[in-house]
N, C-alpha and C. Protein backbone atom coordinates (compact mmCIF):
# COMPACT_ATOMS: atom_id res chain seq x y z
N MET A 1 0.85 -1.19 0.00
CA MET A 1 0.00 0.00 0.00
C MET A 1 0.88 1.24 0.00
N SER A 2 0.72 2.07 -1.01
CA SER A 2 1.57 3.26 -1.12
C SER A 2 1.12 4.33 -0.17
N GLN A 3 2.08 5.14 0.29
CA GLN A 3 1.77 6.22 1.22
C GLN A 3 1.74 7.54 0.47
N ASP A 4 0.87 8.42 0.92
CA ASP A 4 0.79 9.75 0.33
C ASP A 4 1.92 10.60 0.89
N THR A 5 2.86 10.96 0.01
CA THR A 5 4.04 11.72 0.45
C THR A 5 3.89 13.21 0.12
N THR A 6 2.69 13.63 -0.29
CA THR A 6 2.47 15.02 -0.62
C THR A 6 2.70 15.90 0.61
N LYS A 7 3.51 16.91 0.44
CA LYS A 7 3.82 17.81 1.55
C LYS A 7 2.77 18.90 1.64
N THR A 8 2.17 19.08 2.79
CA THR A 8 1.16 20.11 2.98
C THR A 8 1.81 21.47 3.08
N ALA A 9 1.29 22.42 2.32
CA ALA A 9 1.85 23.77 2.34
C ALA A 9 1.54 24.46 3.67
N ILE A 10 2.45 25.32 4.11
CA ILE A 10 2.22 26.13 5.31
C ILE A 10 1.22 27.22 4.94
N GLN A 11 0.11 27.29 5.67
CA GLN A 11 -0.94 28.26 5.37
C GLN A 11 -0.70 29.55 6.14
N VAL A 12 -0.58 30.63 5.37
CA VAL A 12 -0.19 31.93 5.93
C VAL A 12 -1.31 32.95 5.77
N MET A 13 -1.48 33.79 6.77
CA MET A 13 -2.42 34.91 6.70
C MET A 13 -1.66 36.21 6.77
N LEU A 14 -2.03 37.18 5.92
CA LEU A 14 -1.40 38.49 5.90
C LEU A 14 -2.32 39.51 6.54
N VAL A 15 -1.79 40.31 7.46
CA VAL A 15 -2.57 41.36 8.12
C VAL A 15 -1.82 42.68 7.99
N ASP A 16 -2.35 43.58 7.17
CA ASP A 16 -1.73 44.89 6.96
C ASP A 16 -2.78 45.83 6.39
N ASP A 17 -2.81 47.07 6.87
CA ASP A 17 -3.83 47.99 6.39
C ASP A 17 -3.52 48.53 5.00
N GLN A 18 -2.29 48.33 4.51
CA GLN A 18 -1.92 48.82 3.19
C GLN A 18 -2.05 47.69 2.15
N ASN A 19 -2.95 47.89 1.22
CA ASN A 19 -3.22 46.87 0.21
C ASN A 19 -1.98 46.55 -0.63
N LEU A 20 -1.20 47.59 -0.94
CA LEU A 20 0.00 47.37 -1.76
C LEU A 20 1.02 46.50 -1.04
N VAL A 21 1.12 46.67 0.26
CA VAL A 21 2.05 45.85 1.06
C VAL A 21 1.59 44.40 1.02
N ARG A 22 0.30 44.18 1.23
CA ARG A 22 -0.21 42.80 1.19
C ARG A 22 0.01 42.17 -0.18
N GLN A 23 -0.22 42.94 -1.22
CA GLN A 23 -0.01 42.43 -2.57
C GLN A 23 1.46 42.07 -2.79
N GLY A 24 2.35 42.92 -2.29
CA GLY A 24 3.78 42.67 -2.46
C GLY A 24 4.24 41.42 -1.74
N VAL A 25 3.80 41.25 -0.50
CA VAL A 25 4.19 40.06 0.26
C VAL A 25 3.57 38.81 -0.35
N ARG A 26 2.31 38.92 -0.78
CA ARG A 26 1.65 37.77 -1.42
C ARG A 26 2.41 37.36 -2.68
N SER A 27 2.80 38.35 -3.49
CA SER A 27 3.53 38.06 -4.72
C SER A 27 4.85 37.36 -4.43
N LEU A 28 5.52 37.79 -3.36
CA LEU A 28 6.76 37.14 -2.96
C LEU A 28 6.51 35.69 -2.58
N LEU A 29 5.50 35.48 -1.74
CA LEU A 29 5.26 34.13 -1.22
C LEU A 29 4.72 33.19 -2.29
N GLU A 30 4.16 33.73 -3.36
CA GLU A 30 3.71 32.88 -4.46
C GLU A 30 4.88 32.21 -5.17
N LEU A 31 6.08 32.73 -4.94
CA LEU A 31 7.29 32.14 -5.52
C LEU A 31 7.80 30.96 -4.68
N ALA A 32 7.28 30.84 -3.47
CA ALA A 32 7.72 29.76 -2.58
C ALA A 32 6.85 28.52 -2.80
N GLU A 33 7.48 27.36 -2.86
CA GLU A 33 6.77 26.13 -3.21
C GLU A 33 5.84 25.65 -2.09
N ASP A 34 6.27 25.76 -0.86
CA ASP A 34 5.55 25.10 0.24
C ASP A 34 4.82 26.07 1.15
N ILE A 35 4.50 27.26 0.63
CA ILE A 35 3.77 28.25 1.42
C ILE A 35 2.58 28.76 0.61
N GLU A 36 1.43 28.85 1.26
CA GLU A 36 0.21 29.29 0.60
C GLU A 36 -0.45 30.39 1.42
N VAL A 37 -0.71 31.53 0.80
CA VAL A 37 -1.44 32.60 1.47
C VAL A 37 -2.93 32.27 1.39
N VAL A 38 -3.54 32.03 2.54
CA VAL A 38 -4.93 31.57 2.57
C VAL A 38 -5.91 32.66 2.98
N ALA A 39 -5.41 33.77 3.52
CA ALA A 39 -6.32 34.84 3.95
C ALA A 39 -5.56 36.15 4.09
N GLU A 40 -6.31 37.26 3.98
CA GLU A 40 -5.76 38.59 4.19
C GLU A 40 -6.75 39.40 5.01
N ALA A 41 -6.23 40.38 5.73
CA ALA A 41 -7.08 41.30 6.48
C ALA A 41 -6.44 42.68 6.46
N GLY A 42 -7.29 43.71 6.43
CA GLY A 42 -6.80 45.07 6.35
C GLY A 42 -6.83 45.82 7.66
N ASP A 43 -7.39 45.20 8.71
CA ASP A 43 -7.39 45.83 10.03
C ASP A 43 -7.47 44.76 11.10
N GLY A 44 -7.28 45.18 12.34
CA GLY A 44 -7.20 44.24 13.44
C GLY A 44 -8.49 43.48 13.71
N HIS A 45 -9.62 44.20 13.66
CA HIS A 45 -10.90 43.55 13.93
C HIS A 45 -11.20 42.47 12.90
N GLU A 46 -10.97 42.82 11.64
CA GLU A 46 -11.18 41.85 10.56
C GLU A 46 -10.23 40.66 10.71
N ALA A 47 -9.01 40.95 11.12
CA ALA A 47 -8.01 39.89 11.27
C ALA A 47 -8.45 38.86 12.30
N LEU A 48 -8.92 39.31 13.44
CA LEU A 48 -9.33 38.38 14.50
C LEU A 48 -10.50 37.51 14.05
N ALA A 49 -11.45 38.11 13.34
CA ALA A 49 -12.61 37.36 12.87
C ALA A 49 -12.21 36.29 11.86
N ILE A 50 -11.37 36.68 10.90
CA ILE A 50 -10.96 35.74 9.85
C ILE A 50 -10.04 34.66 10.43
N MET A 51 -9.16 35.06 11.33
CA MET A 51 -8.21 34.13 11.93
C MET A 51 -8.91 32.98 12.64
N ALA A 52 -9.96 33.32 13.38
CA ALA A 52 -10.69 32.31 14.13
C ALA A 52 -11.35 31.30 13.20
N GLU A 53 -11.71 31.76 12.00
CA GLU A 53 -12.39 30.88 11.04
C GLU A 53 -11.40 30.08 10.20
N VAL A 54 -10.37 30.74 9.70
CA VAL A 54 -9.42 30.11 8.79
C VAL A 54 -8.38 29.28 9.54
N ARG A 55 -7.99 29.73 10.73
CA ARG A 55 -6.98 29.07 11.56
C ARG A 55 -5.69 28.80 10.77
N PRO A 56 -5.00 29.87 10.36
CA PRO A 56 -3.77 29.71 9.58
C PRO A 56 -2.63 29.13 10.42
N ASP A 57 -1.62 28.60 9.76
CA ASP A 57 -0.45 28.05 10.44
C ASP A 57 0.46 29.16 10.96
N VAL A 58 0.53 30.26 10.20
CA VAL A 58 1.41 31.39 10.54
C VAL A 58 0.70 32.69 10.15
N VAL A 59 0.87 33.72 10.96
CA VAL A 59 0.33 35.05 10.65
C VAL A 59 1.48 36.04 10.49
N LEU A 60 1.43 36.83 9.43
CA LEU A 60 2.36 37.95 9.24
C LEU A 60 1.58 39.21 9.58
N LEU A 61 2.00 39.91 10.62
CA LEU A 61 1.19 40.97 11.22
C LEU A 61 1.89 42.32 11.22
N ASP A 62 1.22 43.31 10.61
CA ASP A 62 1.68 44.70 10.70
C ASP A 62 1.33 45.24 12.08
N MET A 63 2.21 46.04 12.65
CA MET A 63 1.96 46.55 14.00
C MET A 63 1.24 47.90 13.98
N ARG A 64 1.51 48.71 12.97
CA ARG A 64 0.94 50.06 12.94
C ARG A 64 -0.28 50.09 12.01
N MET A 65 -1.44 49.83 12.60
CA MET A 65 -2.69 49.89 11.85
C MET A 65 -3.67 50.79 12.60
N PRO A 66 -4.50 51.55 11.87
CA PRO A 66 -5.48 52.42 12.55
C PRO A 66 -6.54 51.58 13.25
N GLY A 67 -7.12 52.14 14.31
CA GLY A 67 -8.15 51.41 15.05
C GLY A 67 -7.52 50.41 15.99
N MET A 68 -7.53 49.16 15.60
CA MET A 68 -6.90 48.11 16.39
C MET A 68 -5.52 47.81 15.83
N SER A 69 -4.49 48.12 16.59
CA SER A 69 -3.11 47.92 16.13
C SER A 69 -2.73 46.45 16.17
N GLY A 70 -1.57 46.15 15.61
CA GLY A 70 -1.05 44.79 15.68
C GLY A 70 -0.81 44.35 17.11
N LEU A 71 -0.37 45.27 17.96
CA LEU A 71 -0.15 44.94 19.36
C LEU A 71 -1.47 44.59 20.04
N ASP A 72 -2.53 45.33 19.70
CA ASP A 72 -3.86 45.02 20.24
C ASP A 72 -4.31 43.63 19.80
N VAL A 73 -4.03 43.30 18.54
CA VAL A 73 -4.39 41.98 18.01
C VAL A 73 -3.69 40.88 18.80
N LEU A 74 -2.39 41.06 19.04
CA LEU A 74 -1.63 40.07 19.78
C LEU A 74 -2.18 39.90 21.20
N ARG A 75 -2.53 40.99 21.83
CA ARG A 75 -3.06 40.92 23.20
C ARG A 75 -4.40 40.20 23.23
N LYS A 76 -5.23 40.42 22.20
CA LYS A 76 -6.51 39.71 22.11
C LYS A 76 -6.28 38.22 21.88
N LEU A 77 -5.31 37.91 21.02
CA LEU A 77 -5.01 36.51 20.73
C LEU A 77 -4.50 35.78 21.97
N ALA A 78 -3.76 36.51 22.81
CA ALA A 78 -3.22 35.90 24.02
C ALA A 78 -4.33 35.45 24.96
N GLU A 79 -5.50 36.05 24.82
CA GLU A 79 -6.65 35.70 25.66
C GLU A 79 -7.58 34.70 24.96
N ALA A 80 -7.30 34.43 23.68
CA ALA A 80 -8.20 33.60 22.89
C ALA A 80 -7.79 32.13 22.93
N GLU A 81 -8.68 31.29 22.43
CA GLU A 81 -8.43 29.84 22.38
C GLU A 81 -7.41 29.49 21.30
N PHE A 82 -7.37 30.29 20.23
CA PHE A 82 -6.47 30.01 19.10
C PHE A 82 -5.49 31.16 18.94
N PHE A 83 -4.19 30.86 19.05
CA PHE A 83 -3.14 31.87 18.90
C PHE A 83 -2.09 31.31 17.95
N PRO A 84 -2.23 31.58 16.65
CA PRO A 84 -1.27 31.03 15.70
C PRO A 84 0.10 31.68 15.84
N PRO A 85 1.17 30.97 15.49
CA PRO A 85 2.50 31.58 15.49
C PRO A 85 2.50 32.85 14.64
N THR A 86 2.97 33.93 15.21
CA THR A 86 2.85 35.23 14.54
C THR A 86 4.21 35.90 14.40
N ILE A 87 4.46 36.43 13.20
CA ILE A 87 5.67 37.20 12.92
C ILE A 87 5.27 38.65 12.69
N ILE A 88 5.91 39.55 13.42
CA ILE A 88 5.67 40.99 13.23
C ILE A 88 6.37 41.44 11.96
N LEU A 89 5.64 42.17 11.11
CA LEU A 89 6.24 42.81 9.94
C LEU A 89 6.25 44.31 10.17
N THR A 90 7.41 44.94 10.03
CA THR A 90 7.51 46.37 10.25
C THR A 90 8.39 47.00 9.17
N THR A 91 8.20 48.30 8.95
CA THR A 91 8.96 48.99 7.90
C THR A 91 10.26 49.58 8.42
N PHE A 92 10.43 49.57 9.73
CA PHE A 92 11.64 50.15 10.31
C PHE A 92 11.90 49.51 11.66
N ASP A 93 13.07 49.77 12.18
CA ASP A 93 13.43 49.23 13.50
C ASP A 93 12.78 50.07 14.58
N ASP A 94 11.68 49.61 15.11
CA ASP A 94 11.00 50.29 16.21
C ASP A 94 11.10 49.39 17.43
N ASP A 95 12.17 49.59 18.20
CA ASP A 95 12.50 48.68 19.29
C ASP A 95 11.36 48.52 20.30
N GLU A 96 10.76 49.65 20.71
CA GLU A 96 9.72 49.59 21.73
C GLU A 96 8.51 48.81 21.23
N LEU A 97 8.12 49.06 19.99
CA LEU A 97 6.96 48.38 19.42
C LEU A 97 7.23 46.89 19.25
N VAL A 98 8.43 46.57 18.76
CA VAL A 98 8.79 45.16 18.58
C VAL A 98 8.83 44.44 19.92
N LEU A 99 9.44 45.06 20.92
CA LEU A 99 9.51 44.43 22.24
C LEU A 99 8.12 44.20 22.80
N GLY A 100 7.23 45.19 22.60
CA GLY A 100 5.85 45.03 23.04
C GLY A 100 5.18 43.85 22.37
N GLY A 101 5.45 43.67 21.07
CA GLY A 101 4.88 42.55 20.34
C GLY A 101 5.42 41.21 20.81
N LEU A 102 6.71 41.17 21.10
CA LEU A 102 7.31 39.93 21.59
C LEU A 102 6.77 39.59 22.98
N LYS A 103 6.62 40.60 23.83
CA LYS A 103 6.03 40.37 25.15
C LYS A 103 4.63 39.78 25.03
N ALA A 104 3.89 40.26 24.01
CA ALA A 104 2.50 39.84 23.83
C ALA A 104 2.38 38.46 23.18
N GLY A 105 3.51 37.90 22.73
CA GLY A 105 3.45 36.54 22.22
C GLY A 105 3.90 36.32 20.80
N ALA A 106 4.33 37.37 20.09
CA ALA A 106 4.85 37.17 18.74
C ALA A 106 6.12 36.33 18.78
N LYS A 107 6.36 35.57 17.73
CA LYS A 107 7.52 34.67 17.68
C LYS A 107 8.76 35.31 17.08
N GLY A 108 8.67 36.58 16.72
CA GLY A 108 9.82 37.26 16.13
C GLY A 108 9.35 38.37 15.22
N TYR A 109 10.30 39.06 14.57
CA TYR A 109 9.89 40.10 13.63
C TYR A 109 10.84 40.19 12.46
N LEU A 110 10.30 40.69 11.36
CA LEU A 110 11.07 40.89 10.13
C LEU A 110 10.69 42.24 9.54
N LEU A 111 11.64 42.87 8.85
CA LEU A 111 11.34 44.10 8.14
C LEU A 111 10.58 43.78 6.85
N LYS A 112 9.74 44.71 6.40
CA LYS A 112 8.90 44.46 5.24
C LYS A 112 9.71 44.36 3.95
N ASP A 113 10.95 44.88 3.96
CA ASP A 113 11.78 44.75 2.76
C ASP A 113 12.66 43.50 2.82
N VAL A 114 12.25 42.53 3.63
CA VAL A 114 12.98 41.28 3.80
C VAL A 114 13.05 40.54 2.47
N SER A 115 14.11 39.78 2.28
CA SER A 115 14.24 38.97 1.06
C SER A 115 13.30 37.78 1.12
N LEU A 116 13.01 37.21 -0.03
CA LEU A 116 12.15 36.02 -0.08
C LEU A 116 12.74 34.91 0.76
N GLU A 117 14.04 34.70 0.66
CA GLU A 117 14.70 33.63 1.41
C GLU A 117 14.51 33.81 2.92
N GLU A 118 14.72 35.03 3.41
CA GLU A 118 14.57 35.30 4.84
C GLU A 118 13.13 35.14 5.28
N LEU A 119 12.19 35.60 4.44
CA LEU A 119 10.78 35.52 4.77
C LEU A 119 10.33 34.07 4.85
N VAL A 120 10.71 33.27 3.86
CA VAL A 120 10.33 31.86 3.85
C VAL A 120 10.97 31.13 5.03
N ASP A 121 12.24 31.42 5.30
CA ASP A 121 12.92 30.78 6.42
C ASP A 121 12.24 31.12 7.74
N GLY A 122 11.83 32.38 7.90
CA GLY A 122 11.16 32.79 9.12
C GLY A 122 9.82 32.08 9.29
N ILE A 123 9.06 31.99 8.21
CA ILE A 123 7.76 31.32 8.26
C ILE A 123 7.94 29.84 8.59
N GLN A 124 8.90 29.20 7.94
CA GLN A 124 9.13 27.78 8.21
C GLN A 124 9.58 27.55 9.64
N THR A 125 10.39 28.46 10.17
CA THR A 125 10.91 28.33 11.53
C THR A 125 9.78 28.38 12.56
N VAL A 126 8.92 29.40 12.47
CA VAL A 126 7.86 29.52 13.47
C VAL A 126 6.79 28.45 13.27
N ALA A 127 6.57 28.03 12.02
CA ALA A 127 5.58 26.98 11.76
C ALA A 127 6.00 25.66 12.39
N SER A 128 7.31 25.46 12.52
CA SER A 128 7.82 24.20 13.08
C SER A 128 8.07 24.30 14.58
N GLY A 129 7.63 25.40 15.19
CA GLY A 129 7.73 25.53 16.63
C GLY A 129 8.88 26.39 17.13
N GLY A 130 9.66 26.95 16.22
CA GLY A 130 10.79 27.79 16.61
C GLY A 130 10.39 29.24 16.75
N SER A 131 11.37 30.08 17.03
CA SER A 131 11.16 31.52 17.10
C SER A 131 12.30 32.20 16.37
N ILE A 132 12.08 33.44 15.97
CA ILE A 132 13.13 34.19 15.26
C ILE A 132 13.43 35.46 16.03
N VAL A 133 13.62 35.27 17.33
CA VAL A 133 13.87 36.42 18.19
C VAL A 133 15.27 36.98 17.97
N LYS A 134 16.29 36.19 18.22
CA LYS A 134 17.64 36.71 18.17
C LYS A 134 18.10 37.11 16.76
N PRO A 135 17.90 36.28 15.74
CA PRO A 135 18.37 36.68 14.42
C PRO A 135 17.68 37.93 13.90
N ALA A 136 16.45 38.17 14.34
CA ALA A 136 15.67 39.24 13.75
C ALA A 136 15.79 40.56 14.51
N VAL A 137 15.97 40.52 15.82
CA VAL A 137 15.99 41.76 16.57
C VAL A 137 17.30 42.50 16.39
N THR A 138 17.23 43.82 16.54
CA THR A 138 18.42 44.65 16.37
C THR A 138 19.31 44.58 17.59
N GLU A 139 20.56 44.99 17.43
CA GLU A 139 21.48 45.04 18.56
C GLU A 139 20.97 46.01 19.63
N ARG A 140 20.33 47.08 19.19
CA ARG A 140 19.80 48.05 20.15
C ARG A 140 18.74 47.40 21.04
N LEU A 141 17.90 46.56 20.44
CA LEU A 141 16.86 45.90 21.22
C LEU A 141 17.47 44.94 22.23
N LEU A 142 18.47 44.19 21.79
CA LEU A 142 19.12 43.26 22.71
C LEU A 142 19.77 44.00 23.87
N GLN A 143 20.39 45.14 23.57
CA GLN A 143 21.00 45.93 24.63
C GLN A 143 19.92 46.48 25.56
N GLY A 144 18.80 46.89 24.98
CA GLY A 144 17.72 47.45 25.78
C GLY A 144 17.07 46.43 26.68
N LEU A 145 17.16 45.16 26.31
CA LEU A 145 16.54 44.11 27.11
C LEU A 145 17.29 43.88 28.42
N LYS A 146 18.58 44.19 28.43
CA LYS A 146 19.38 43.92 29.62
C LYS A 146 18.88 44.76 30.79
N GLY A 147 18.49 44.08 31.85
CA GLY A 147 18.02 44.78 33.03
C GLY A 147 16.61 45.33 32.92
N MET A 148 15.94 45.11 31.78
CA MET A 148 14.60 45.64 31.59
C MET A 148 13.57 44.64 32.08
N GLU A 149 12.55 45.12 32.76
CA GLU A 149 11.47 44.23 33.17
C GLU A 149 10.66 43.83 31.95
N THR A 150 10.46 42.54 31.79
CA THR A 150 9.81 42.06 30.58
C THR A 150 8.31 42.28 30.57
N GLY A 151 7.69 42.41 31.75
CA GLY A 151 6.28 42.75 31.77
C GLY A 151 5.33 41.58 31.60
N PHE A 152 5.81 40.35 31.74
CA PHE A 152 4.92 39.20 31.73
C PHE A 152 5.26 38.29 32.90
N SER A 153 4.39 37.36 33.19
CA SER A 153 4.56 36.49 34.35
C SER A 153 5.79 35.60 34.20
N SER A 154 6.64 35.63 35.21
CA SER A 154 7.84 34.79 35.20
C SER A 154 8.42 34.79 36.62
N LEU A 155 9.37 33.90 36.85
CA LEU A 155 10.04 33.89 38.15
C LEU A 155 11.12 34.96 38.16
N GLU A 156 11.17 35.74 39.24
CA GLU A 156 12.18 36.81 39.33
C GLU A 156 13.58 36.22 39.27
N GLN A 157 13.79 35.13 39.96
CA GLN A 157 15.05 34.41 39.91
C GLN A 157 14.76 32.95 39.55
N PRO A 158 14.92 32.60 38.28
CA PRO A 158 14.61 31.23 37.84
C PRO A 158 15.46 30.19 38.57
N ASP A 159 14.94 28.98 38.67
CA ASP A 159 15.73 27.87 39.19
C ASP A 159 16.92 27.65 38.28
N PRO A 160 18.07 27.26 38.83
CA PRO A 160 19.27 27.07 38.00
C PRO A 160 19.05 26.05 36.89
N LEU A 161 19.56 26.37 35.71
CA LEU A 161 19.48 25.46 34.57
C LEU A 161 20.71 24.57 34.54
N THR A 162 20.55 23.37 34.05
CA THR A 162 21.70 22.50 33.85
C THR A 162 22.51 23.00 32.66
N THR A 163 23.69 22.46 32.48
CA THR A 163 24.54 22.84 31.35
C THR A 163 23.83 22.57 30.03
N ARG A 164 23.17 21.40 29.93
CA ARG A 164 22.46 21.06 28.69
C ARG A 164 21.26 21.98 28.47
N GLU A 165 20.55 22.31 29.53
CA GLU A 165 19.40 23.21 29.39
C GLU A 165 19.85 24.60 28.93
N THR A 166 20.97 25.07 29.46
CA THR A 166 21.50 26.36 29.03
C THR A 166 21.89 26.31 27.56
N GLU A 167 22.48 25.21 27.14
CA GLU A 167 22.86 25.04 25.74
C GLU A 167 21.63 25.08 24.85
N ILE A 168 20.58 24.40 25.27
CA ILE A 168 19.34 24.37 24.48
C ILE A 168 18.68 25.74 24.47
N LEU A 169 18.75 26.46 25.59
CA LEU A 169 18.19 27.82 25.65
C LEU A 169 18.90 28.73 24.65
N ARG A 170 20.21 28.59 24.54
CA ARG A 170 20.96 29.40 23.56
C ARG A 170 20.51 29.08 22.13
N LEU A 171 20.29 27.80 21.86
CA LEU A 171 19.83 27.40 20.53
C LEU A 171 18.41 27.90 20.28
N MET A 172 17.58 27.89 21.31
CA MET A 172 16.24 28.46 21.19
C MET A 172 16.32 29.94 20.83
N ALA A 173 17.26 30.65 21.47
CA ALA A 173 17.43 32.08 21.21
C ALA A 173 17.89 32.35 19.79
N SER A 174 18.54 31.37 19.19
CA SER A 174 19.00 31.50 17.81
C SER A 174 17.94 31.10 16.81
N GLY A 175 16.75 30.74 17.32
CA GLY A 175 15.63 30.48 16.43
C GLY A 175 15.46 29.04 15.99
N PHE A 176 16.23 28.11 16.57
CA PHE A 176 16.14 26.71 16.14
C PHE A 176 14.87 26.05 16.68
N SER A 177 14.25 25.22 15.86
CA SER A 177 13.11 24.43 16.30
C SER A 177 13.61 23.25 17.12
N ASN A 178 12.68 22.53 17.77
CA ASN A 178 13.07 21.35 18.55
C ASN A 178 13.78 20.33 17.67
N LYS A 179 13.28 20.13 16.47
CA LYS A 179 13.87 19.16 15.56
C LYS A 179 15.29 19.55 15.19
N GLU A 180 15.49 20.83 14.91
CA GLU A 180 16.83 21.31 14.55
C GLU A 180 17.79 21.20 15.73
N ILE A 181 17.30 21.49 16.93
CA ILE A 181 18.13 21.36 18.12
C ILE A 181 18.52 19.90 18.32
N ALA A 182 17.55 19.00 18.13
CA ALA A 182 17.81 17.56 18.28
C ALA A 182 18.88 17.11 17.29
N ASN A 183 18.77 17.57 16.05
CA ASN A 183 19.78 17.20 15.04
C ASN A 183 21.14 17.76 15.39
N SER A 184 21.16 18.99 15.91
CA SER A 184 22.42 19.64 16.26
C SER A 184 23.12 18.92 17.41
N LEU A 185 22.34 18.45 18.38
CA LEU A 185 22.91 17.82 19.57
C LEU A 185 22.96 16.30 19.46
N ASP A 186 22.41 15.79 18.34
CA ASP A 186 22.39 14.34 18.11
C ASP A 186 21.64 13.60 19.22
N VAL A 187 20.46 14.11 19.54
CA VAL A 187 19.58 13.47 20.52
C VAL A 187 18.19 13.36 19.91
N ALA A 188 17.30 12.64 20.58
CA ALA A 188 15.94 12.49 20.10
C ALA A 188 15.16 13.79 20.28
N GLU A 189 14.22 14.05 19.37
CA GLU A 189 13.42 15.26 19.47
C GLU A 189 12.62 15.28 20.77
N GLY A 190 12.16 14.11 21.20
CA GLY A 190 11.42 14.02 22.46
C GLY A 190 12.25 14.46 23.64
N THR A 191 13.54 14.16 23.60
CA THR A 191 14.45 14.58 24.67
C THR A 191 14.53 16.10 24.73
N VAL A 192 14.61 16.72 23.55
CA VAL A 192 14.67 18.18 23.49
C VAL A 192 13.37 18.78 24.03
N LYS A 193 12.23 18.20 23.66
CA LYS A 193 10.94 18.69 24.15
C LYS A 193 10.89 18.66 25.67
N ASN A 194 11.42 17.59 26.25
CA ASN A 194 11.45 17.48 27.72
C ASN A 194 12.33 18.57 28.33
N HIS A 195 13.49 18.81 27.70
CA HIS A 195 14.38 19.86 28.20
C HIS A 195 13.70 21.22 28.10
N VAL A 196 13.03 21.49 26.98
CA VAL A 196 12.35 22.78 26.80
C VAL A 196 11.26 22.95 27.86
N SER A 197 10.51 21.90 28.12
CA SER A 197 9.47 21.96 29.16
C SER A 197 10.08 22.28 30.52
N ASN A 198 11.24 21.66 30.81
CA ASN A 198 11.93 21.94 32.08
C ASN A 198 12.40 23.38 32.15
N ILE A 199 12.91 23.89 31.02
CA ILE A 199 13.38 25.28 30.98
C ILE A 199 12.23 26.24 31.26
N LEU A 200 11.10 26.03 30.59
CA LEU A 200 9.94 26.90 30.79
C LEU A 200 9.48 26.85 32.24
N SER A 201 9.47 25.64 32.81
CA SER A 201 9.04 25.47 34.20
C SER A 201 9.98 26.18 35.16
N LYS A 202 11.28 26.01 34.95
CA LYS A 202 12.27 26.62 35.85
C LYS A 202 12.26 28.15 35.76
N MET A 203 11.90 28.67 34.58
CA MET A 203 11.89 30.12 34.40
C MET A 203 10.52 30.72 34.72
N GLY A 204 9.52 29.85 34.85
CA GLY A 204 8.18 30.34 35.18
C GLY A 204 7.51 31.08 34.04
N VAL A 205 7.80 30.66 32.80
CA VAL A 205 7.21 31.30 31.63
C VAL A 205 6.40 30.28 30.84
N ARG A 206 5.55 30.77 29.94
CA ARG A 206 4.63 29.85 29.28
C ARG A 206 5.04 29.48 27.86
N ASP A 207 6.03 30.16 27.28
CA ASP A 207 6.44 29.78 25.93
C ASP A 207 7.91 30.11 25.69
N ARG A 208 8.41 29.66 24.54
CA ARG A 208 9.82 29.77 24.20
C ARG A 208 10.27 31.22 24.08
N THR A 209 9.44 32.05 23.44
CA THR A 209 9.82 33.45 23.22
C THR A 209 10.02 34.16 24.54
N ARG A 210 9.10 33.93 25.49
CA ARG A 210 9.25 34.56 26.81
C ARG A 210 10.48 34.03 27.54
N ALA A 211 10.80 32.77 27.33
CA ALA A 211 12.01 32.21 27.94
C ALA A 211 13.25 32.94 27.43
N VAL A 212 13.29 33.19 26.13
CA VAL A 212 14.43 33.87 25.54
C VAL A 212 14.51 35.32 26.03
N LEU A 213 13.37 36.01 26.06
CA LEU A 213 13.36 37.39 26.54
C LEU A 213 13.81 37.47 27.99
N LYS A 214 13.33 36.55 28.82
CA LYS A 214 13.71 36.53 30.23
C LYS A 214 15.20 36.25 30.37
N ALA A 215 15.71 35.35 29.54
CA ALA A 215 17.14 35.02 29.58
C ALA A 215 17.99 36.23 29.24
N PHE A 216 17.55 37.01 28.23
CA PHE A 216 18.28 38.23 27.87
C PHE A 216 18.20 39.26 29.00
N GLU A 217 17.02 39.37 29.60
CA GLU A 217 16.83 40.34 30.68
C GLU A 217 17.77 40.06 31.83
N LEU A 218 17.96 38.78 32.16
CA LEU A 218 18.79 38.39 33.31
C LEU A 218 20.25 38.15 32.94
N GLY A 219 20.58 38.28 31.64
CA GLY A 219 21.95 38.06 31.22
C GLY A 219 22.36 36.60 31.28
N MET A 220 21.39 35.70 31.14
CA MET A 220 21.69 34.27 31.22
C MET A 220 22.35 33.76 29.96
N ILE A 221 22.10 34.43 28.84
CA ILE A 221 22.69 34.01 27.55
C ILE A 221 23.23 35.22 26.82
C-alpha cells in the first residue's frame, strides 16, 4: 500500500492595512513552493474574525494599523483559544513596538523589505515551533533588554538550569526548532521537548519566546 508523500503547504495569513504591502508580500510568497497565502485582512478587527475561522499556520502581522493595532491583536489573541504563530512585519526598526509585540506573544519580527529567502525561512521556523527572536531583533533591542522588566509572568530568579538546558536555551534564542536542536545535539526530538518543558518550568514562563526574553533580561545568555 503506497503512502501519500504530498507535503502540505504552510498556510499563511497576511494582516496589513496597506493593500499594496499585502499584494507585495503575497507576490513574494507565491514564488515559494511550500507556502500558501490563505487569507488577508486590512485591520485588526477583521483579522481576528478571519483568523478564528481560517486558523492559519502562521500570521504575518503589521503593527501600525489604525483602530486596532497589531499589538492590540496580539493581546486579544493571548486571551483567545487560538493563537497562531505570529511574525511581526515592520517597515523600520521600532524597538519599543517590537519588544511590546514579543512580550505579547509574537515569535519574532522581520522588516517588510525582507528577502524572499529570509521571509520563507522565518515562516518555516515559526511553523515548526521555533522563534526568530535573536536573528531578527536589532542590537539596540538586545541591549535594551538587559536589566529591563519584561512585563509578563515569570520567576524573578529562575531555578538554576543544567549545562544542557543552558545550551538548548541558547539554541532556542538563535531560532532553532526542537527538531533542529535535536539534530544539532544528536539526541531524540522528544528529549529536546522534555528539556524545553523543564526550561519553561524553571523560568516560570509559558512559551519559548518569553524564555528567551527573560534570559536576555537576566543576562543568562
